[in-house]
Amino acid sequence: MIRGLTTAKGFYGPTGVSEDARGTGIGKALLFKSMEALRESGYVYGVIGGEGQREFYEKVCNAQEIPNSDPGIYTDILPD
């Protein structure tokens, strides 16, 4: 499992793909592999932090917003 220095256990992201790579399935593959890694680590769900493409996550994995979670743990690292 690849771990970033800017995230927390059980969290996925923030991630993204370049505009020219969108629609190729790379983002979906990255998301699913990351969720599989969380499951293999014993998590029953993952939190997608710092999402910028909410519609993508809703469509691809039926992601649900956590009420009152904005700005979340990424307050100090994400640009406005």
C-alpha atoms as a PDB file:
ATOM      1  CA  MET A   1       0.000   0.000   0.000  1.00  0.00           C
ATOM      2  CA  ILE A   2       1.292   3.436  -0.878  1.00  0.00           C
ATOM      3  CA  ARG A   3       0.920   5.907   1.957  1.00  0.00           C
ATOM      4  CA  GLY A   4       1.106   9.654   1.683  1.00  0.00           C
ATOM      5  CA  LEU A   5       2.532  11.950   4.285  1.00  0.00           C
ATOM      6  CA  THR A   6      -0.479  14.255   4.152  1.00  0.00           C
ATOM      7  CA  THR A   7      -3.326  11.881   4.937  1.00  0.00           C
ATOM      8  CA  ALA A   8      -4.617   9.809   7.837  1.00  0.00           C
ATOM      9  CA  LYS A   9      -5.452   6.146   8.441  1.00  0.00           C
ATOM     10  CA  GLY A  10      -8.655   5.172   6.690  1.00  0.00           C
ATOM     11  CA  PHE A  11      -8.473   8.173   4.361  1.00  0.00           C
ATOM     12  CA  TYR A  12      -8.053   8.193   0.601  1.00  0.00           C
ATOM     13  CA  GLY A  13      -6.821  11.289  -1.174  1.00  0.00           C
ATOM     14  CA  PRO A  14      -6.626  13.922  -2.117  1.00  0.00           C
ATOM     15  CA  THR A  15      -5.743  12.618  -5.577  1.00  0.00           C
ATOM     16  CA  GLY A  16      -6.420  13.553  -9.139  1.00  0.00           C
ATOM     17  CA  VAL A  17      -5.504  12.874 -12.730  1.00  0.00           C
ATOM     18  CA  SER A  18      -4.605  15.359 -15.426  1.00  0.00           C
ATOM     19  CA  GLU A  19      -7.450  16.637 -17.566  1.00  0.00           C
ATOM     20  CA  ASP A  20      -6.186  14.758 -20.636  1.00  0.00           C
ATOM     21  CA  ALA A  21      -6.235  11.473 -18.661  1.00  0.00           C
ATOM     22  CA  ARG A  22      -9.817  11.913 -17.454  1.00  0.00           C
ATOM     23  CA  GLY A  23     -12.272   9.439 -18.902  1.00  0.00           C
ATOM     24  CA  THR A  24      -9.598   6.772 -19.418  1.00  0.00           C
ATOM     25  CA  GLY A  25     -10.344   4.817 -16.230  1.00  0.00           C
ATOM     26  CA  ILE A  26      -7.099   5.709 -14.460  1.00  0.00           C
ATOM     27  CA  GLY A  27      -8.842   7.611 -11.639  1.00  0.00           C
ATOM     28  CA  LYS A  28     -11.349   4.794 -11.126  1.00  0.00           C
ATOM     29  CA  ALA A  29      -8.563   2.192 -11.027  1.00  0.00           C
ATOM     30  CA  LEU A  30      -6.590   4.264  -8.514  1.00  0.00           C
ATOM     31  CA  LEU A  31      -9.674   4.684  -6.322  1.00  0.00           C
ATOM     32  CA  PHE A  32     -10.605   0.977  -6.399  1.00  0.00           C
ATOM     33  CA  LYS A  33      -7.047  -0.219  -5.693  1.00  0.00           C
ATOM     34  CA  SER A  34      -6.803   2.211  -2.782  1.00  0.00           C
ATOM     35  CA  MET A  35     -10.153   1.061  -1.369  1.00  0.00           C
ATOM     36  CA  GLU A  36      -9.040  -2.584  -1.735  1.00  0.00           C
ATOM     37  CA  ALA A  37      -5.854  -1.774   0.194  1.00  0.00           C
ATOM     38  CA  LEU A  38      -7.912  -0.177   2.975  1.00  0.00           C
ATOM     39  CA  ARG A  39     -10.126  -3.278   3.130  1.00  0.00           C
ATOM     40  CA  GLU A  40      -7.067  -5.550   3.268  1.00  0.00           C
ATOM     41  CA  SER A  41      -5.800  -3.425   6.166  1.00  0.00           C
ATOM     42  CA  GLY A  42      -9.004  -4.099   8.106  1.00  0.00           C
ATOM     43  CA  TYR A  43     -11.043  -0.980   7.349  1.00  0.00           C
ATOM     44  CA  VAL A  44     -14.739  -1.415   6.590  1.00  0.00           C
ATOM     45  CA  TYR A  45     -15.004   1.935   4.800  1.00  0.00           C
ATOM     46  CA  GLY A  46     -12.727   4.695   3.573  1.00  0.00           C
ATOM     47  CA  VAL A  47     -13.008   8.431   3.869  1.00  0.00           C
ATOM     48  CA  ILE A  48     -12.299  10.381   0.700  1.00  0.00           C
ATOM     49  CA  GLY A  49     -10.633  13.510   1.987  1.00  0.00           C
ATOM     50  CA  GLY A  50     -10.201  16.747   0.135  1.00  0.00           C
ATOM     51  CA  GLU A  51     -12.342  15.658  -2.797  1.00  0.00           C
ATOM     52  CA  GLY A  52     -12.642  18.097  -5.621  1.00  0.00           C
ATOM     53  CA  GLN A  53     -14.709  15.977  -7.994  1.00  0.00           C
ATOM     54  CA  ARG A  54     -17.669  14.952  -5.831  1.00  0.00           C
ATOM     55  CA  GLU A  55     -19.764  13.826  -8.812  1.00  0.00           C
ATOM     56  CA  PHE A  56     -17.017  11.396  -9.872  1.00  0.00           C
ATOM     57  CA  TYR A  57     -16.943   9.682  -6.481  1.00  0.00           C
ATOM     58  CA  GLU A  58     -20.739   9.582  -6.233  1.00  0.00           C
ATOM     59  CA  LYS A  59     -20.968   7.948  -9.666  1.00  0.00           C
ATOM     60  CA  VAL A  60     -18.051   5.522  -9.381  1.00  0.00           C
ATOM     61  CA  CYS A  61     -18.483   4.213  -5.829  1.00  0.00           C
ATOM     62  CA  ASN A  62     -21.720   5.712  -4.492  1.00  0.00           C
ATOM     63  CA  ALA A  63     -19.768   7.953  -2.128  1.00  0.00           C
ATOM     64  CA  GLN A  64     -21.848   9.777   0.460  1.00  0.00           C
ATOM     65  CA  GLU A  65     -21.027  13.123   2.010  1.00  0.00           C
ATOM     66  CA  ILE A  66     -20.325  13.151   5.743  1.00  0.00           C
ATOM     67  CA  PRO A  67     -22.394  16.054   7.118  1.00  0.00           C
ATOM     68  CA  ASN A  68     -20.416  18.928   8.673  1.00  0.00           C
ATOM     69  CA  SER A  69     -17.065  17.426   7.633  1.00  0.00           C
ATOM     70  CA  ASP A  70     -15.795  20.377   5.625  1.00  0.00           C
ATOM     71  CA  PRO A  71     -12.977  21.446   5.745  1.00  0.00           C
ATOM     72  CA  GLY A  72     -11.868  18.238   7.481  1.00  0.00           C
ATOM     73  CA  ILE A  73      -8.304  17.203   8.229  1.00  0.00           C
ATOM     74  CA  TYR A  74      -6.834  18.853   5.146  1.00  0.00           C
ATOM     75  CA  THR A  75      -7.405  22.437   6.225  1.00  0.00           C
ATOM     76  CA  ASP A  76      -3.719  23.367   6.252  1.00  0.00           C
ATOM     77  CA  ILE A  77      -2.522  21.597   3.097  1.00  0.00           C
ATOM     78  CA  LEU A  78      -5.103  22.207   0.370  1.00  0.00           C
ATOM     79  CA  PRO A  79      -5.296  25.433  -1.599  1.00  0.00           C
ATOM     80  CA  ASP A  80      -8.507  27.469  -1.421  1.00  0.00           C
END
